[in-house]
Every structure is written in C-alpha cells, then in structure tokens.
C-alpha cells in the first residue's frame, strides 16, 4: 500500500522544445502493456563498457510499433538541476550497480 497520491511509475515525457530533451517523469500507468502505455516501459541492460547496468527505454509491448531505443542518462540544465533524460547510444548513460543482499 502506498500513501503517495501521485503515480511513482516512470514514463517518458513529451519532447521539451526549450531543452531539446525527452525527460523521465513520474506520471506513468502501471501495467496494461500496449501502444497507449509505451512511454512507461523501461528495461535494465548490462553496460558493455563496465560491470554495471543501465536503464534503457525500448518498449516491446506493441508488435506493430517502432521506437528508436535510447539509454537513460543525466541532463544538467543551465540552472544546474539534474534530471533523468534519454541519451543516444554512444553518450554516457546513467549506470547502476546491483549488490547481492546479505543472507
């Protein structure tokens, strides 16, 4: 049970003209795979340049839809605020490391 009123499900926001970025926001819908929820689907992939993992937006919930898959990275605007955003392959993604929990 969550006490949060706002959805905590990640989704890809609309293209931001002022920054030329697509940011990640928390207003997604949980479940319901299909074209109408394609902005909600992220996956974890092994980063080939390190021992870490990275987050990727590359939905596979729609058999007839075609998406340009992108990595999740960090965008820092002129206000020095960091936000999650899509970055091209070849750019530095946000990498994460998993640690096995103690038994």
C-alpha atoms as a PDB file:
ATOM      1  CA  UNK A   1       0.000   0.000   0.000  1.00  0.00           C
ATOM      2  CA  UNK A   2       1.323   3.413  -0.944  1.00  0.00           C
ATOM      3  CA  UNK A   3       0.492   6.720   0.683  1.00  0.00           C
ATOM      4  CA  UNK A   4       1.636   8.612  -2.415  1.00  0.00           C
ATOM      5  CA  UNK A   5      -1.158  10.426  -4.199  1.00  0.00           C
ATOM      6  CA  UNK A   6       0.902  10.885  -7.371  1.00  0.00           C
ATOM      7  CA  UNK A   7       1.936   7.927  -9.520  1.00  0.00           C
ATOM      8  CA  UNK A   8       5.536   6.799  -8.982  1.00  0.00           C
ATOM      9  CA  UNK A   9       5.588   4.837 -12.253  1.00  0.00           C
ATOM     10  CA  UNK A  10       8.181   6.246 -14.619  1.00  0.00           C
ATOM     11  CA  UNK A  11       7.175   7.406 -18.063  1.00  0.00           C
ATOM     12  CA  UNK A  12       8.779   9.222 -20.945  1.00  0.00           C
ATOM     13  CA  UNK A  13       7.582  12.841 -21.116  1.00  0.00           C
ATOM     14  CA  UNK A  14       6.794  14.665 -24.340  1.00  0.00           C
ATOM     15  CA  UNK A  15       9.704  16.290 -26.172  1.00  0.00           C
ATOM     16  CA  UNK A  16      10.759  19.520 -24.418  1.00  0.00           C
ATOM     17  CA  UNK A  17      11.350  22.138 -27.130  1.00  0.00           C
ATOM     18  CA  UNK A  18      13.212  24.531 -24.810  1.00  0.00           C
ATOM     19  CA  UNK A  19      15.893  21.970 -23.883  1.00  0.00           C
ATOM     20  CA  UNK A  20      15.604  19.652 -26.899  1.00  0.00           C
ATOM     21  CA  UNK A  21      15.277  16.731 -24.446  1.00  0.00           C
ATOM     22  CA  UNK A  22      12.880  13.935 -23.543  1.00  0.00           C
ATOM     23  CA  UNK A  23      12.763  13.740 -19.765  1.00  0.00           C
ATOM     24  CA  UNK A  24      11.627  10.949 -17.470  1.00  0.00           C
ATOM     25  CA  UNK A  25       8.709  11.826 -15.202  1.00  0.00           C
ATOM     26  CA  UNK A  26       6.612  10.014 -12.605  1.00  0.00           C
ATOM     27  CA  UNK A  27       3.123  10.003 -14.039  1.00  0.00           C
ATOM     28  CA  UNK A  28       3.031   6.630 -15.753  1.00  0.00           C
ATOM     29  CA  UNK A  29       0.408   3.915 -15.566  1.00  0.00           C
ATOM     30  CA  UNK A  30       1.333   0.542 -14.096  1.00  0.00           C
ATOM     31  CA  UNK A  31       0.678  -2.495 -16.276  1.00  0.00           C
ATOM     32  CA  UNK A  32      -1.613  -2.509 -19.331  1.00  0.00           C
ATOM     33  CA  UNK A  33       1.076  -3.234 -21.965  1.00  0.00           C
ATOM     34  CA  UNK A  34       0.242  -1.797 -25.363  1.00  0.00           C
ATOM     35  CA  UNK A  35       0.751   1.207 -27.643  1.00  0.00           C
ATOM     36  CA  UNK A  36      -1.062   3.588 -25.278  1.00  0.00           C
ATOM     37  CA  UNK A  37       1.391   2.831 -22.432  1.00  0.00           C
ATOM     38  CA  UNK A  38       4.605   2.529 -24.481  1.00  0.00           C
ATOM     39  CA  UNK A  39       6.065   5.583 -22.704  1.00  0.00           C
ATOM     40  CA  UNK A  40       6.076   3.588 -19.423  1.00  0.00           C
ATOM     41  CA  UNK A  41       8.314   0.697 -20.442  1.00  0.00           C
ATOM     42  CA  UNK A  42      11.966   0.752 -19.420  1.00  0.00           C
ATOM     43  CA  UNK A  43      14.350  -2.157 -19.089  1.00  0.00           C
ATOM     44  CA  UNK A  44      17.669  -2.931 -17.432  1.00  0.00           C
ATOM     45  CA  UNK A  45      20.593  -3.897 -19.677  1.00  0.00           C
ATOM     46  CA  UNK A  46      24.192  -4.837 -18.991  1.00  0.00           C
ATOM     47  CA  UNK A  47      26.528  -1.945 -19.846  1.00  0.00           C
ATOM     48  CA  UNK A  48      29.144  -3.245 -22.292  1.00  0.00           C
ATOM     49  CA  UNK A  49      31.708  -0.642 -21.161  1.00  0.00           C
ATOM     50  CA  UNK A  50      31.660  -1.606 -17.469  1.00  0.00           C
ATOM     51  CA  UNK A  51      30.497  -4.194 -14.965  1.00  0.00           C
ATOM     52  CA  UNK A  52      27.438  -2.070 -14.262  1.00  0.00           C
ATOM     53  CA  UNK A  53      23.927  -1.945 -15.664  1.00  0.00           C
ATOM     54  CA  UNK A  54      21.981   0.827 -17.370  1.00  0.00           C
ATOM     55  CA  UNK A  55      18.350   1.749 -17.884  1.00  0.00           C
ATOM     56  CA  UNK A  56      17.015   1.815 -21.428  1.00  0.00           C
ATOM     57  CA  UNK A  57      13.715   2.996 -22.889  1.00  0.00           C
ATOM     58  CA  UNK A  58      12.955   0.457 -25.586  1.00  0.00           C
ATOM     59  CA  UNK A  59       9.383  -0.779 -25.282  1.00  0.00           C
ATOM     60  CA  UNK A  60       8.496  -4.144 -26.741  1.00  0.00           C
ATOM     61  CA  UNK A  61       4.837  -4.043 -25.707  1.00  0.00           C
ATOM     62  CA  UNK A  62       3.482  -3.271 -29.167  1.00  0.00           C
ATOM     63  CA  UNK A  63       4.126  -5.688 -32.014  1.00  0.00           C
ATOM     64  CA  UNK A  64       3.468  -3.147 -34.806  1.00  0.00           C
ATOM     65  CA  UNK A  65       5.096  -0.068 -33.158  1.00  0.00           C
ATOM     66  CA  UNK A  66       8.651   1.023 -33.965  1.00  0.00           C
ATOM     67  CA  UNK A  67      10.705   3.010 -31.463  1.00  0.00           C
ATOM     68  CA  UNK A  68      14.202   4.496 -31.524  1.00  0.00           C
ATOM     69  CA  UNK A  69      15.587   2.897 -28.359  1.00  0.00           C
ATOM     70  CA  UNK A  70      17.619   5.194 -26.117  1.00  0.00           C
ATOM     71  CA  UNK A  71      19.540   4.989 -22.870  1.00  0.00           C
ATOM     72  CA  UNK A  72      18.617   6.905 -19.720  1.00  0.00           C
ATOM     73  CA  UNK A  73      21.223   9.474 -18.722  1.00  0.00           C
ATOM     74  CA  UNK A  74      21.503  12.643 -16.678  1.00  0.00           C
ATOM     75  CA  UNK A  75      20.765  16.052 -18.177  1.00  0.00           C
ATOM     76  CA  UNK A  76      22.016  19.149 -16.363  1.00  0.00           C
ATOM     77  CA  UNK A  77      20.406  22.387 -17.445  1.00  0.00           C
ATOM     78  CA  UNK A  78      21.635  25.930 -17.056  1.00  0.00           C
ATOM     79  CA  UNK A  79      20.033  26.024 -13.614  1.00  0.00           C
ATOM     80  CA  UNK A  80      22.386  23.156 -12.567  1.00  0.00           C
ATOM     81  CA  UNK A  81      19.397  20.925 -11.763  1.00  0.00           C
ATOM     82  CA  UNK A  82      19.939  17.301 -12.792  1.00  0.00           C
ATOM     83  CA  UNK A  83      17.122  15.393 -14.453  1.00  0.00           C
ATOM     84  CA  UNK A  84      16.798  11.950 -15.979  1.00  0.00           C
ATOM     85  CA  UNK A  85      16.535  12.146 -19.761  1.00  0.00           C
ATOM     86  CA  UNK A  86      17.058   9.988 -22.832  1.00  0.00           C
ATOM     87  CA  UNK A  87      20.554   9.985 -24.336  1.00  0.00           C
ATOM     88  CA  UNK A  88      21.800   8.498 -27.587  1.00  0.00           C
ATOM     89  CA  UNK A  89      23.875   5.338 -27.705  1.00  0.00           C
ATOM     90  CA  UNK A  90      27.486   6.459 -27.593  1.00  0.00           C
ATOM     91  CA  UNK A  91      26.668   9.083 -24.949  1.00  0.00           C
ATOM     92  CA  UNK A  92      27.317   8.335 -21.296  1.00  0.00           C
ATOM     93  CA  UNK A  93      24.323   6.560 -19.721  1.00  0.00           C
ATOM     94  CA  UNK A  94      23.420   6.558 -16.058  1.00  0.00           C
ATOM     95  CA  UNK A  95      24.946   3.304 -14.794  1.00  0.00           C
ATOM     96  CA  UNK A  96      23.822   1.390 -11.739  1.00  0.00           C
ATOM     97  CA  UNK A  97      25.365  -1.424  -9.750  1.00  0.00           C
ATOM     98  CA  UNK A  98      23.461  -4.182  -8.027  1.00  0.00           C
ATOM     99  CA  UNK A  99      24.754  -5.682  -4.810  1.00  0.00           C
ATOM    100  CA  UNK A 100      23.604  -9.050  -3.567  1.00  0.00           C
ATOM    101  CA  UNK A 101      21.723  -8.694  -0.300  1.00  0.00           C
ATOM    102  CA  UNK A 102      23.221 -10.288   2.785  1.00  0.00           C
ATOM    103  CA  UNK A 103      21.515 -13.526   3.746  1.00  0.00           C
END
